[in-house]
Amino acid sequence: MGRYPDFVPQGVIPAVLLPFHEDLSIDEQSFRSHLRDVAAVQGLSAITINAHSTEVASCTRDEQRRVMEITGEEVGSILPIIHGVWADGSLEAARIARQAQAGGASALLVFPPAPFTLGQSAEMALAHFKTIRDASDLPMIVFQYPLATGQGYPAATLERLFDEVPTIRAIKDWTPLVPQHESQIRALQGRKHTINVLSTNSAWLLSSLVLGCNGLLSGSGSVIADLQAMLYRAVQANDLAEGRRLNDRIYPLARVFYADPFVDMHNRMKEALVLLGKLPRAVVRPPLVKITDAEIARIRAALVEAGLLGQRAALGANAA
């Protein structure tokens, strides 16, 4: 079991960023500061690492282990840690799961294997999750990709996963179609043994949450965890006016973070933290590259519109 053996994935869960030095090595000091900054937000349920937001595709397993160690040292005593399982093969996924549990993680976020873009069967999905289950008894979160990618799991496959792998406790739902999203929320959270639906539709978070999600897991929580926590509380309290007010602050940032190309979302979040004085630099690993000055200016304007950056600070940054 993990450090928090009774942990159930729900509520507000930011996925943090991973700062790098100019030589592309991990900037551990800045990472520690970032973890403390995010974890200080009231109303969080957990923190996620070794996922899209930490550029896990470019991190070695040793680097993932180090990220887990640092996270445990900085926030492990106050928040459960969700560890991503990013692997194209099930055997490697099992090794990552064992490593995560040994390091003190409390849950696993399981990404779909990339080969599923070429087609999949329910038996393949079951084999993947059962291999991970055999390696770790931590609760699992299924990362549900859009079905159009080939990596999303059809409803019938999900039902078999939940029936045959009882350590699955939630899905991180990236379903872009509102009717399908609502259907999954109603079906999964209405089961005898509830499967929590965590929204990852951060580009339209208010609309997603009002459908009834039992939480959210979001990379933009690395920048606006406080706004997301307040929004979630407002929705839970059925306070639509407060929810709309908070959404009006989140909206400009969602527009710039999740613009095309979508893959640059966390790249942009790093630039936002630099503008806010919370990171010293916004270095990303290849194949990602630094975004343009024009795009950074749009992020700066969005931070001002969201009330996170004063006009004077923005003008000073422009002058610099």
C-alpha atoms as a PDB file:
ATOM      1  CA  MET A   1       0.000   0.000   0.000  1.00  0.00           C
ATOM      2  CA  GLY A   2       0.996   3.623  -0.429  1.00  0.00           C
ATOM      3  CA  ARG A   3       1.845   6.255   2.156  1.00  0.00           C
ATOM      4  CA  TYR A   4      -1.873   7.151   2.356  1.00  0.00           C
ATOM      5  CA  PRO A   5      -3.488   3.683   2.279  1.00  0.00           C
ATOM      6  CA  ASP A   6      -7.064   5.017   2.352  1.00  0.00           C
ATOM      7  CA  PHE A   7      -6.547   7.503  -0.483  1.00  0.00           C
ATOM      8  CA  VAL A   8      -9.307   7.628  -3.085  1.00  0.00           C
ATOM      9  CA  PRO A   9      -8.618   9.771  -6.188  1.00  0.00           C
ATOM     10  CA  GLN A  10     -11.086  12.653  -6.075  1.00  0.00           C
ATOM     11  CA  GLY A  11     -11.184  16.403  -5.542  1.00  0.00           C
ATOM     12  CA  VAL A  12      -8.656  18.920  -6.873  1.00  0.00           C
ATOM     13  CA  ILE A  13      -5.394  17.373  -8.068  1.00  0.00           C
ATOM     14  CA  PRO A  14      -2.793  19.587  -9.787  1.00  0.00           C
ATOM     15  CA  ALA A  15      -0.177  18.027 -12.050  1.00  0.00           C
ATOM     16  CA  VAL A  16       3.053  19.917 -11.421  1.00  0.00           C
ATOM     17  CA  LEU A  17       5.731  21.026 -13.889  1.00  0.00           C
ATOM     18  CA  LEU A  18       9.394  19.973 -13.985  1.00  0.00           C
ATOM     19  CA  PRO A  19      11.919  22.831 -14.289  1.00  0.00           C
ATOM     20  CA  PHE A  20      15.172  22.292 -16.194  1.00  0.00           C
ATOM     21  CA  HIS A  21      18.531  24.052 -16.335  1.00  0.00           C
ATOM     22  CA  GLU A  22      19.800  25.409 -19.654  1.00  0.00           C
ATOM     23  CA  ASP A  23      21.783  22.172 -20.090  1.00  0.00           C
ATOM     24  CA  LEU A  24      18.428  20.296 -19.869  1.00  0.00           C
ATOM     25  CA  SER A  25      19.220  18.674 -16.513  1.00  0.00           C
ATOM     26  CA  ILE A  26      16.559  18.788 -13.788  1.00  0.00           C
ATOM     27  CA  ASP A  27      16.630  21.985 -11.736  1.00  0.00           C
ATOM     28  CA  GLU A  28      15.989  20.378  -8.363  1.00  0.00           C
ATOM     29  CA  GLN A  29      16.001  23.614  -6.376  1.00  0.00           C
ATOM     30  CA  SER A  30      13.344  25.203  -8.596  1.00  0.00           C
ATOM     31  CA  PHE A  31      11.323  21.986  -8.585  1.00  0.00           C
ATOM     32  CA  ARG A  32      11.299  21.937  -4.793  1.00  0.00           C
ATOM     33  CA  SER A  33      10.144  25.557  -4.698  1.00  0.00           C
ATOM     34  CA  HIS A  34       7.417  24.836  -7.261  1.00  0.00           C
ATOM     35  CA  LEU A  35       6.160  21.839  -5.273  1.00  0.00           C
ATOM     36  CA  ARG A  36       5.957  23.875  -2.078  1.00  0.00           C
ATOM     37  CA  ASP A  37       4.160  26.698  -3.865  1.00  0.00           C
ATOM     38  CA  VAL A  38       1.477  24.435  -5.338  1.00  0.00           C
ATOM     39  CA  ALA A  39       1.052  22.322  -2.202  1.00  0.00           C
ATOM     40  CA  ALA A  40       0.405  25.466  -0.121  1.00  0.00           C
ATOM     41  CA  VAL A  41      -2.948  25.957  -1.878  1.00  0.00           C
ATOM     42  CA  GLN A  42      -5.906  25.150   0.346  1.00  0.00           C
ATOM     43  CA  GLY A  43      -8.341  22.481  -0.802  1.00  0.00           C
ATOM     44  CA  LEU A  44      -6.082  20.110  -2.738  1.00  0.00           C
ATOM     45  CA  SER A  45      -6.522  16.336  -2.572  1.00  0.00           C
ATOM     46  CA  ALA A  46      -3.195  15.187  -4.064  1.00  0.00           C
ATOM     47  CA  ILE A  47      -0.392  16.133  -6.459  1.00  0.00           C
ATOM     48  CA  THR A  48       0.503  14.352  -9.701  1.00  0.00           C
ATOM     49  CA  ILE A  49       4.034  13.815 -11.026  1.00  0.00           C
ATOM     50  CA  ASN A  50       5.718  11.924 -13.874  1.00  0.00           C
ATOM     51  CA  ALA A  51       2.950  12.759 -16.303  1.00  0.00           C
ATOM     52  CA  HIS A  52       2.486  15.034 -19.326  1.00  0.00           C
ATOM     53  CA  SER A  53       3.123  18.115 -17.196  1.00  0.00           C
ATOM     54  CA  THR A  54       6.588  16.936 -16.110  1.00  0.00           C
ATOM     55  CA  GLU A  55       7.504  16.021 -19.706  1.00  0.00           C
ATOM     56  CA  VAL A  56       7.629  12.365 -18.705  1.00  0.00           C
ATOM     57  CA  ALA A  57       8.166  11.277 -22.311  1.00  0.00           C
ATOM     58  CA  SER A  58      11.647  12.827 -22.139  1.00  0.00           C
ATOM     59  CA  CYS A  59      12.544  11.551 -18.653  1.00  0.00           C
ATOM     60  CA  THR A  60      14.466   8.364 -17.905  1.00  0.00           C
ATOM     61  CA  ARG A  61      13.235   5.946 -15.260  1.00  0.00           C
ATOM     62  CA  ASP A  62      16.065   7.103 -12.982  1.00  0.00           C
ATOM     63  CA  GLU A  63      14.898  10.690 -13.420  1.00  0.00           C
ATOM     64  CA  GLN A  64      11.339   9.632 -12.625  1.00  0.00           C
ATOM     65  CA  ARG A  65      12.639   7.986  -9.459  1.00  0.00           C
ATOM     66  CA  ARG A  66      14.420  11.203  -8.489  1.00  0.00           C
ATOM     67  CA  VAL A  67      11.283  13.264  -9.175  1.00  0.00           C
ATOM     68  CA  MET A  68       9.382  10.933  -6.835  1.00  0.00           C
ATOM     69  CA  GLU A  69      12.071  11.239  -4.146  1.00  0.00           C
ATOM     70  CA  ILE A  70      12.048  15.030  -4.245  1.00  0.00           C
ATOM     71  CA  THR A  71       8.259  15.201  -4.247  1.00  0.00           C
ATOM     72  CA  GLY A  72       8.073  12.881  -1.271  1.00  0.00           C
ATOM     73  CA  GLU A  73      10.600  14.975   0.639  1.00  0.00           C
ATOM     74  CA  GLU A  74       8.808  18.245  -0.057  1.00  0.00           C
ATOM     75  CA  VAL A  75       5.092  17.405   0.110  1.00  0.00           C
ATOM     76  CA  GLY A  76       4.728  13.712   0.945  1.00  0.00           C
ATOM     77  CA  SER A  77       3.844  14.440   4.557  1.00  0.00           C
ATOM     78  CA  ILE A  78       0.914  16.689   3.618  1.00  0.00           C
ATOM     79  CA  LEU A  79      -0.508  15.355   0.333  1.00  0.00           C
ATOM     80  CA  PRO A  80      -0.818  11.991  -1.421  1.00  0.00           C
ATOM     81  CA  ILE A  81       1.318  11.665  -4.550  1.00  0.00           C
ATOM     82  CA  ILE A  82      -0.065  10.262  -7.793  1.00  0.00           C
ATOM     83  CA  HIS A  83       2.659   8.798 -10.018  1.00  0.00           C
ATOM     84  CA  GLY A  84       2.177   8.528 -13.776  1.00  0.00           C
ATOM     85  CA  VAL A  85       2.775   5.217 -15.528  1.00  0.00           C
ATOM     86  CA  TRP A  86       3.907   6.157 -19.043  1.00  0.00           C
ATOM     87  CA  ALA A  87       5.095   3.150 -21.017  1.00  0.00           C
ATOM     88  CA  ASP A  88       4.417   1.605 -24.392  1.00  0.00           C
ATOM     89  CA  GLY A  89       4.910  -1.922 -23.046  1.00  0.00           C
ATOM     90  CA  SER A  90       3.167  -3.547 -20.095  1.00  0.00           C
ATOM     91  CA  LEU A  91       6.361  -4.990 -18.597  1.00  0.00           C
ATOM     92  CA  GLU A  92       7.937  -1.549 -18.398  1.00  0.00           C
ATOM     93  CA  ALA A  93       4.673  -0.183 -16.990  1.00  0.00           C
ATOM     94  CA  ALA A  94       4.860  -2.807 -14.241  1.00  0.00           C
ATOM     95  CA  ARG A  95       8.445  -1.804 -13.428  1.00  0.00           C
ATOM     96  CA  ILE A  96       7.406   1.847 -13.142  1.00  0.00           C
ATOM     97  CA  ALA A  97       4.466   0.890 -10.906  1.00  0.00           C
ATOM     98  CA  ARG A  98       6.738  -1.053  -8.547  1.00  0.00           C
ATOM     99  CA  GLN A  99       9.182   1.836  -8.435  1.00  0.00           C
ATOM    100  CA  ALA A 100       6.372   4.295  -7.703  1.00  0.00           C
ATOM    101  CA  GLN A 101       5.008   2.238  -4.842  1.00  0.00           C
ATOM    102  CA  ALA A 102       8.458   1.693  -3.363  1.00  0.00           C
ATOM    103  CA  GLY A 103       9.024   5.454  -3.501  1.00  0.00           C
ATOM    104  CA  GLY A 104       5.886   6.277  -1.535  1.00  0.00           C
ATOM    105  CA  ALA A 105       3.252   7.016  -4.184  1.00  0.00           C
ATOM    106  CA  SER A 106      -0.391   6.628  -3.174  1.00  0.00           C
ATOM    107  CA  ALA A 107      -1.924   6.038  -6.622  1.00  0.00           C
ATOM    108  CA  LEU A 108      -0.998   5.426 -10.254  1.00  0.00           C
ATOM    109  CA  LEU A 109      -2.150   7.395 -13.299  1.00  0.00           C
ATOM    110  CA  VAL A 110      -1.982   4.874 -16.135  1.00  0.00           C
ATOM    111  CA  PHE A 111      -1.469   6.278 -19.629  1.00  0.00           C
ATOM    112  CA  PRO A 112      -2.617   4.214 -22.622  1.00  0.00           C
ATOM    113  CA  PRO A 113       0.188   2.501 -24.560  1.00  0.00           C
ATOM    114  CA  ALA A 114       1.053   4.300 -27.812  1.00  0.00           C
ATOM    115  CA  PRO A 115       0.699   1.103 -29.906  1.00  0.00           C
ATOM    116  CA  PHE A 116      -3.059   1.325 -29.286  1.00  0.00           C
ATOM    117  CA  THR A 117      -3.146   4.076 -31.924  1.00  0.00           C
ATOM    118  CA  LEU A 118      -2.899   1.203 -34.420  1.00  0.00           C
ATOM    119  CA  GLY A 119      -5.868  -0.612 -32.909  1.00  0.00           C
ATOM    120  CA  GLN A 120      -6.695  -2.403 -29.684  1.00  0.00           C
ATOM    121  CA  SER A 121      -8.969  -5.046 -28.214  1.00  0.00           C
ATOM    122  CA  ALA A 122     -10.500  -5.328 -24.763  1.00  0.00           C
ATOM    123  CA  GLU A 123      -8.154  -8.241 -24.082  1.00  0.00           C
ATOM    124  CA  MET A 124      -5.114  -6.036 -24.771  1.00  0.00           C
ATOM    125  CA  ALA A 125      -6.329  -3.339 -22.390  1.00  0.00           C
ATOM    126  CA  LEU A 126      -7.078  -5.950 -19.727  1.00  0.00           C
ATOM    127  CA  ALA A 127      -3.639  -7.511 -20.127  1.00  0.00           C
ATOM    128  CA  HIS A 128      -1.999  -4.110 -19.683  1.00  0.00           C
ATOM    129  CA  PHE A 129      -3.858  -3.211 -16.501  1.00  0.00           C
ATOM    130  CA  LYS A 130      -3.619  -6.703 -15.015  1.00  0.00           C
ATOM    131  CA  THR A 131       0.143  -6.682 -15.521  1.00  0.00           C
ATOM    132  CA  ILE A 132       0.331  -3.411 -13.594  1.00  0.00           C
ATOM    133  CA  ARG A 133      -2.051  -4.721 -10.924  1.00  0.00           C
ATOM    134  CA  ASP A 134       0.167  -7.750 -10.399  1.00  0.00           C
ATOM    135  CA  ALA A 135       3.130  -5.430  -9.786  1.00  0.00           C
ATOM    136  CA  SER A 136       1.433  -2.972  -7.416  1.00  0.00           C
ATOM    137  CA  ASP A 137      -1.688  -2.854  -5.276  1.00  0.00           C
ATOM    138  CA  LEU A 138      -1.929   0.951  -5.474  1.00  0.00           C
ATOM    139  CA  PRO A 139      -5.255   2.374  -6.685  1.00  0.00           C
ATOM    140  CA  MET A 140      -5.194   3.161 -10.389  1.00  0.00           C
ATOM    141  CA  ILE A 141      -6.595   6.024 -12.437  1.00  0.00           C
ATOM    142  CA  VAL A 142      -7.329   5.163 -16.069  1.00  0.00           C
ATOM    143  CA  PHE A 143      -6.314   8.010 -18.373  1.00  0.00           C
ATOM    144  CA  GLN A 144      -9.204   7.967 -20.833  1.00  0.00           C
ATOM    145  CA  TYR A 145      -8.064   9.527 -24.121  1.00  0.00           C
ATOM    146  CA  PRO A 146     -10.484  10.665 -26.845  1.00  0.00           C
ATOM    147  CA  LEU A 147     -11.740   7.632 -28.755  1.00  0.00           C
ATOM    148  CA  ALA A 148     -10.645   9.242 -32.034  1.00  0.00           C
ATOM    149  CA  THR A 149      -6.992   8.852 -31.006  1.00  0.00           C
ATOM    150  CA  GLY A 150      -7.310   5.061 -30.892  1.00  0.00           C
ATOM    151  CA  GLN A 151      -5.996   5.161 -27.323  1.00  0.00           C
ATOM    152  CA  GLY A 152      -9.355   5.736 -25.657  1.00  0.00           C
ATOM    153  CA  TYR A 153     -11.216   2.745 -24.255  1.00  0.00           C
ATOM    154  CA  PRO A 154     -14.741   2.007 -25.549  1.00  0.00           C
ATOM    155  CA  ALA A 155     -17.476   1.797 -22.903  1.00  0.00           C
ATOM    156  CA  ALA A 156     -17.583  -1.998 -23.054  1.00  0.00           C
ATOM    157  CA  THR A 157     -13.825  -2.195 -22.467  1.00  0.00           C
ATOM    158  CA  LEU A 158     -14.054   0.187 -19.521  1.00  0.00           C
ATOM    159  CA  GLU A 159     -16.771  -1.949 -17.939  1.00  0.00           C
ATOM    160  CA  ARG A 160     -14.583  -5.035 -18.194  1.00  0.00           C
ATOM    161  CA  LEU A 161     -11.622  -3.161 -16.738  1.00  0.00           C
ATOM    162  CA  PHE A 162     -13.652  -2.039 -13.731  1.00  0.00           C
ATOM    163  CA  ASP A 163     -15.124  -5.513 -13.201  1.00  0.00           C
ATOM    164  CA  GLU A 164     -11.866  -7.430 -13.557  1.00  0.00           C
ATOM    165  CA  VAL A 165      -9.331  -4.975 -12.082  1.00  0.00           C
ATOM    166  CA  PRO A 166     -10.853  -3.750  -8.802  1.00  0.00           C
ATOM    167  CA  THR A 167      -7.861  -1.556  -7.948  1.00  0.00           C
ATOM    168  CA  ILE A 168      -9.051   0.858 -10.657  1.00  0.00           C
ATOM    169  CA  ARG A 169     -10.749   3.635  -8.687  1.00  0.00           C
ATOM    170  CA  ALA A 170     -11.072   6.543 -11.127  1.00  0.00           C
ATOM    171  CA  ILE A 171     -10.691   7.750 -14.687  1.00  0.00           C
ATOM    172  CA  LYS A 172      -9.056  10.966 -15.847  1.00  0.00           C
ATOM    173  CA  ASP A 173     -11.535  11.818 -18.562  1.00  0.00           C
ATOM    174  CA  TRP A 174     -10.182  13.614 -21.618  1.00  0.00           C
ATOM    175  CA  THR A 175     -13.355  12.939 -23.597  1.00  0.00           C
ATOM    176  CA  PRO A 176     -13.912  16.056 -25.745  1.00  0.00           C
ATOM    177  CA  LEU A 177     -17.556  15.264 -26.565  1.00  0.00           C
ATOM    178  CA  VAL A 178     -19.961  16.593 -23.942  1.00  0.00           C
ATOM    179  CA  PRO A 179     -22.647  13.889 -24.366  1.00  0.00           C
ATOM    180  CA  GLN A 180     -20.044  11.125 -23.998  1.00  0.00           C
ATOM    181  CA  HIS A 181     -18.456  12.903 -21.033  1.00  0.00           C
ATOM    182  CA  GLU A 182     -21.815  13.207 -19.273  1.00  0.00           C
ATOM    183  CA  SER A 183     -22.697   9.603 -20.051  1.00  0.00           C
ATOM    184  CA  GLN A 184     -19.436   8.402 -18.495  1.00  0.00           C
ATOM    185  CA  ILE A 185     -19.954  10.522 -15.381  1.00  0.00           C
ATOM    186  CA  ARG A 186     -23.463   9.163 -14.846  1.00  0.00           C
ATOM    187  CA  ALA A 187     -22.548   5.560 -15.603  1.00  0.00           C
ATOM    188  CA  LEU A 188     -19.291   5.331 -13.661  1.00  0.00           C
ATOM    189  CA  GLN A 189     -20.209   7.358 -10.601  1.00  0.00           C
ATOM    190  CA  GLY A 190     -23.534   5.543 -10.462  1.00  0.00           C
ATOM    191  CA  ARG A 191     -21.941   2.105 -10.186  1.00  0.00           C
ATOM    192  CA  LYS A 192     -22.326   0.096  -6.976  1.00  0.00           C
ATOM    193  CA  HIS A 193     -18.568   0.497  -6.523  1.00  0.00           C
ATOM    194  CA  THR A 194     -18.110   4.080  -7.675  1.00  0.00           C
ATOM    195  CA  ILE A 195     -15.480   4.939 -10.259  1.00  0.00           C
ATOM    196  CA  ASN A 196     -14.717   8.627  -9.804  1.00  0.00           C
ATOM    197  CA  VAL A 197     -14.531  10.729 -12.949  1.00  0.00           C
ATOM    198  CA  LEU A 198     -11.761  13.336 -12.768  1.00  0.00           C
ATOM    199  CA  SER A 199     -12.080  16.028 -15.403  1.00  0.00           C
ATOM    200  CA  THR A 200      -9.061  16.880 -17.480  1.00  0.00           C
ATOM    201  CA  ASN A 201     -11.083  19.136 -19.766  1.00  0.00           C
ATOM    202  CA  SER A 202      -9.321  22.194 -18.401  1.00  0.00           C
ATOM    203  CA  ALA A 203     -10.112  24.251 -21.501  1.00  0.00           C
ATOM    204  CA  TRP A 204     -13.816  24.131 -20.476  1.00  0.00           C
ATOM    205  CA  LEU A 205     -13.561  23.198 -16.812  1.00  0.00           C
ATOM    206  CA  LEU A 206     -16.713  24.854 -15.455  1.00  0.00           C
ATOM    207  CA  SER A 207     -18.862  23.162 -18.093  1.00  0.00           C
ATOM    208  CA  SER A 208     -17.244  19.828 -17.271  1.00  0.00           C
ATOM    209  CA  LEU A 209     -17.556  20.121 -13.497  1.00  0.00           C
ATOM    210  CA  VAL A 210     -21.238  21.074 -13.517  1.00  0.00           C
ATOM    211  CA  LEU A 211     -21.982  17.714 -15.148  1.00  0.00           C
ATOM    212  CA  GLY A 212     -21.025  16.103 -11.846  1.00  0.00           C
ATOM    213  CA  CYS A 213     -17.344  15.106 -11.936  1.00  0.00           C
ATOM    214  CA  ASN A 214     -16.022  14.027  -8.553  1.00  0.00           C
ATOM    215  CA  GLY A 215     -12.817  15.952  -9.143  1.00  0.00           C
ATOM    216  CA  LEU A 216     -10.268  17.242 -11.621  1.00  0.00           C
ATOM    217  CA  LEU A 217      -6.674  16.417 -12.510  1.00  0.00           C
ATOM    218  CA  SER A 218      -5.079  19.271 -14.385  1.00  0.00           C
ATOM    219  CA  GLY A 219      -1.682  20.500 -15.516  1.00  0.00           C
ATOM    220  CA  SER A 220      -2.885  24.090 -15.361  1.00  0.00           C
ATOM    221  CA  GLY A 221      -3.157  23.504 -11.633  1.00  0.00           C
ATOM    222  CA  SER A 222       0.594  24.130 -11.700  1.00  0.00           C
ATOM    223  CA  VAL A 223      -0.309  27.789 -12.257  1.00  0.00           C
ATOM    224  CA  ILE A 224      -3.909  28.250 -11.056  1.00  0.00           C
ATOM    225  CA  ALA A 225      -4.516  25.542  -8.451  1.00  0.00           C
ATOM    226  CA  ASP A 226      -6.104  28.173  -6.197  1.00  0.00           C
ATOM    227  CA  LEU A 227      -8.649  29.216  -8.831  1.00  0.00           C
ATOM    228  CA  GLN A 228      -9.423  25.594  -9.660  1.00  0.00           C
ATOM    229  CA  ALA A 229      -9.928  24.713  -5.991  1.00  0.00           C
ATOM    230  CA  MET A 230     -12.275  27.663  -5.517  1.00  0.00           C
ATOM    231  CA  LEU A 231     -14.168  26.757  -8.695  1.00  0.00           C
ATOM    232  CA  TYR A 232     -14.585  23.159  -7.566  1.00  0.00           C
ATOM    233  CA  ARG A 233     -15.905  24.314  -4.177  1.00  0.00           C
ATOM    234  CA  ALA A 234     -18.353  26.688  -5.861  1.00  0.00           C
ATOM    235  CA  VAL A 235     -19.702  23.938  -8.110  1.00  0.00           C
ATOM    236  CA  GLN A 236     -20.003  21.535  -5.176  1.00  0.00           C
ATOM    237  CA  ALA A 237     -21.981  24.222  -3.327  1.00  0.00           C
ATOM    238  CA  ASN A 238     -24.223  24.832  -6.379  1.00  0.00           C
ATOM    239  CA  ASP A 239     -23.086  28.467  -6.381  1.00  0.00           C
ATOM    240  CA  LEU A 240     -23.364  29.192 -10.095  1.00  0.00           C
ATOM    241  CA  ALA A 241     -22.714  32.920  -9.744  1.00  0.00           C
ATOM    242  CA  GLU A 242     -19.412  32.313  -7.946  1.00  0.00           C
ATOM    243  CA  GLY A 243     -18.524  29.570 -10.408  1.00  0.00           C
ATOM    244  CA  ARG A 244     -19.073  31.900 -13.359  1.00  0.00           C
ATOM    245  CA  ARG A 245     -17.051  34.655 -11.689  1.00  0.00           C
ATOM    246  CA  LEU A 246     -14.114  32.298 -11.174  1.00  0.00           C
ATOM    247  CA  ASN A 247     -14.476  30.875 -14.664  1.00  0.00           C
ATOM    248  CA  ASP A 248     -14.216  34.393 -16.076  1.00  0.00           C
ATOM    249  CA  ARG A 249     -10.750  34.574 -14.500  1.00  0.00           C
ATOM    250  CA  ILE A 250      -9.723  31.108 -15.666  1.00  0.00           C
ATOM    251  CA  TYR A 251     -11.032  31.545 -19.224  1.00  0.00           C
ATOM    252  CA  PRO A 252      -8.280  33.816 -20.658  1.00  0.00           C
ATOM    253  CA  LEU A 253      -5.576  31.462 -19.379  1.00  0.00           C
ATOM    254  CA  ALA A 254      -7.350  28.389 -20.715  1.00  0.00           C
ATOM    255  CA  ARG A 255      -7.475  30.047 -24.139  1.00  0.00           C
ATOM    256  CA  VAL A 256      -3.711  30.646 -24.250  1.00  0.00           C
ATOM    257  CA  PHE A 257      -2.577  27.455 -22.483  1.00  0.00           C
ATOM    258  CA  TYR A 258      -4.627  25.132 -24.695  1.00  0.00           C
ATOM    259  CA  ALA A 259      -4.138  26.828 -28.050  1.00  0.00           C
ATOM    260  CA  ASP A 260      -2.659  24.997 -31.038  1.00  0.00           C
ATOM    261  CA  PRO A 261      -0.278  23.244 -30.998  1.00  0.00           C
ATOM    262  CA  PHE A 262      -1.866  21.565 -27.981  1.00  0.00           C
ATOM    263  CA  VAL A 263       1.409  19.831 -27.080  1.00  0.00           C
ATOM    264  CA  ASP A 264       2.827  23.200 -25.972  1.00  0.00           C
ATOM    265  CA  MET A 265       0.355  23.565 -23.084  1.00  0.00           C
ATOM    266  CA  HIS A 266       2.891  22.885 -20.321  1.00  0.00           C
ATOM    267  CA  ASN A 267       5.564  24.833 -22.200  1.00  0.00           C
ATOM    268  CA  ARG A 268       3.234  27.834 -21.912  1.00  0.00           C
ATOM    269  CA  MET A 269       2.579  27.150 -18.234  1.00  0.00           C
ATOM    270  CA  LYS A 270       6.307  27.324 -17.556  1.00  0.00           C
ATOM    271  CA  GLU A 271       6.425  30.711 -19.268  1.00  0.00           C
ATOM    272  CA  ALA A 272       3.486  31.835 -17.108  1.00  0.00           C
ATOM    273  CA  LEU A 273       5.383  30.884 -13.948  1.00  0.00           C
ATOM    274  CA  VAL A 274       8.432  32.811 -15.186  1.00  0.00           C
ATOM    275  CA  LEU A 275       6.247  35.881 -15.729  1.00  0.00           C
ATOM    276  CA  LEU A 276       4.838  35.443 -12.212  1.00  0.00           C
ATOM    277  CA  GLY A 277       8.354  35.239 -10.764  1.00  0.00           C
ATOM    278  CA  LYS A 278       7.911  31.628  -9.670  1.00  0.00           C
ATOM    279  CA  LEU A 279      10.418  29.997 -12.043  1.00  0.00           C
ATOM    280  CA  PRO A 280      13.809  31.361 -13.143  1.00  0.00           C
ATOM    281  CA  ARG A 281      13.507  30.076 -16.706  1.00  0.00           C
ATOM    282  CA  ALA A 282      11.141  28.156 -19.001  1.00  0.00           C
ATOM    283  CA  VAL A 283      13.379  25.471 -20.479  1.00  0.00           C
ATOM    284  CA  VAL A 284      11.784  22.458 -22.176  1.00  0.00           C
ATOM    285  CA  ARG A 285      13.360  19.316 -23.564  1.00  0.00           C
ATOM    286  CA  PRO A 286      13.347  18.450 -27.271  1.00  0.00           C
ATOM    287  CA  PRO A 287      11.340  17.891 -29.344  1.00  0.00           C
ATOM    288  CA  LEU A 288       9.603  20.805 -27.587  1.00  0.00           C
ATOM    289  CA  VAL A 289      11.166  24.207 -28.278  1.00  0.00           C
ATOM    290  CA  LYS A 290      10.814  27.632 -26.695  1.00  0.00           C
ATOM    291  CA  ILE A 291       7.668  29.450 -27.726  1.00  0.00           C
ATOM    292  CA  THR A 292       7.775  32.807 -29.522  1.00  0.00           C
ATOM    293  CA  ASP A 293       7.924  36.238 -27.928  1.00  0.00           C
ATOM    294  CA  ALA A 294       4.495  36.955 -29.419  1.00  0.00           C
ATOM    295  CA  GLU A 295       3.021  33.958 -27.639  1.00  0.00           C
ATOM    296  CA  ILE A 296       4.686  34.924 -24.359  1.00  0.00           C
ATOM    297  CA  ALA A 297       3.082  38.359 -24.745  1.00  0.00           C
ATOM    298  CA  ARG A 298      -0.333  36.693 -25.095  1.00  0.00           C
ATOM    299  CA  ILE A 299       0.310  34.703 -21.913  1.00  0.00           C
ATOM    300  CA  ARG A 300       1.305  37.906 -20.117  1.00  0.00           C
ATOM    301  CA  ALA A 301      -1.919  39.595 -21.229  1.00  0.00           C
ATOM    302  CA  ALA A 302      -3.962  36.596 -20.079  1.00  0.00           C
ATOM    303  CA  LEU A 303      -2.311  36.689 -16.647  1.00  0.00           C
ATOM    304  CA  VAL A 304      -3.251  40.358 -16.349  1.00  0.00           C
ATOM    305  CA  GLU A 305      -6.836  39.658 -17.433  1.00  0.00           C
ATOM    306  CA  ALA A 306      -7.053  36.829 -14.889  1.00  0.00           C
ATOM    307  CA  GLY A 307      -5.930  39.180 -12.120  1.00  0.00           C
ATOM    308  CA  LEU A 308      -2.727  37.236 -11.445  1.00  0.00           C
ATOM    309  CA  LEU A 309      -0.281  39.826 -12.797  1.00  0.00           C
ATOM    310  CA  GLY A 310      -0.560  43.570 -12.260  1.00  0.00           C
ATOM    311  CA  GLN A 311      -0.460  45.981 -15.174  1.00  0.00           C
ATOM    312  CA  ARG A 312       2.694  47.592 -13.773  1.00  0.00           C
ATOM    313  CA  ALA A 313       4.487  44.246 -13.553  1.00  0.00           C
ATOM    314  CA  ALA A 314       3.402  43.418 -17.091  1.00  0.00           C
ATOM    315  CA  LEU A 315       4.714  46.739 -18.391  1.00  0.00           C
ATOM    316  CA  GLY A 316       7.987  46.140 -16.598  1.00  0.00           C
ATOM    317  CA  ALA A 317       8.301  42.736 -18.216  1.00  0.00           C
ATOM    318  CA  ASN A 318       7.613  44.293 -21.615  1.00  0.00           C
ATOM    319  CA  ALA A 319      10.320  46.886 -21.024  1.00  0.00           C
ATOM    320  CA  ALA A 320      12.766  44.173 -20.078  1.00  0.00           C
END
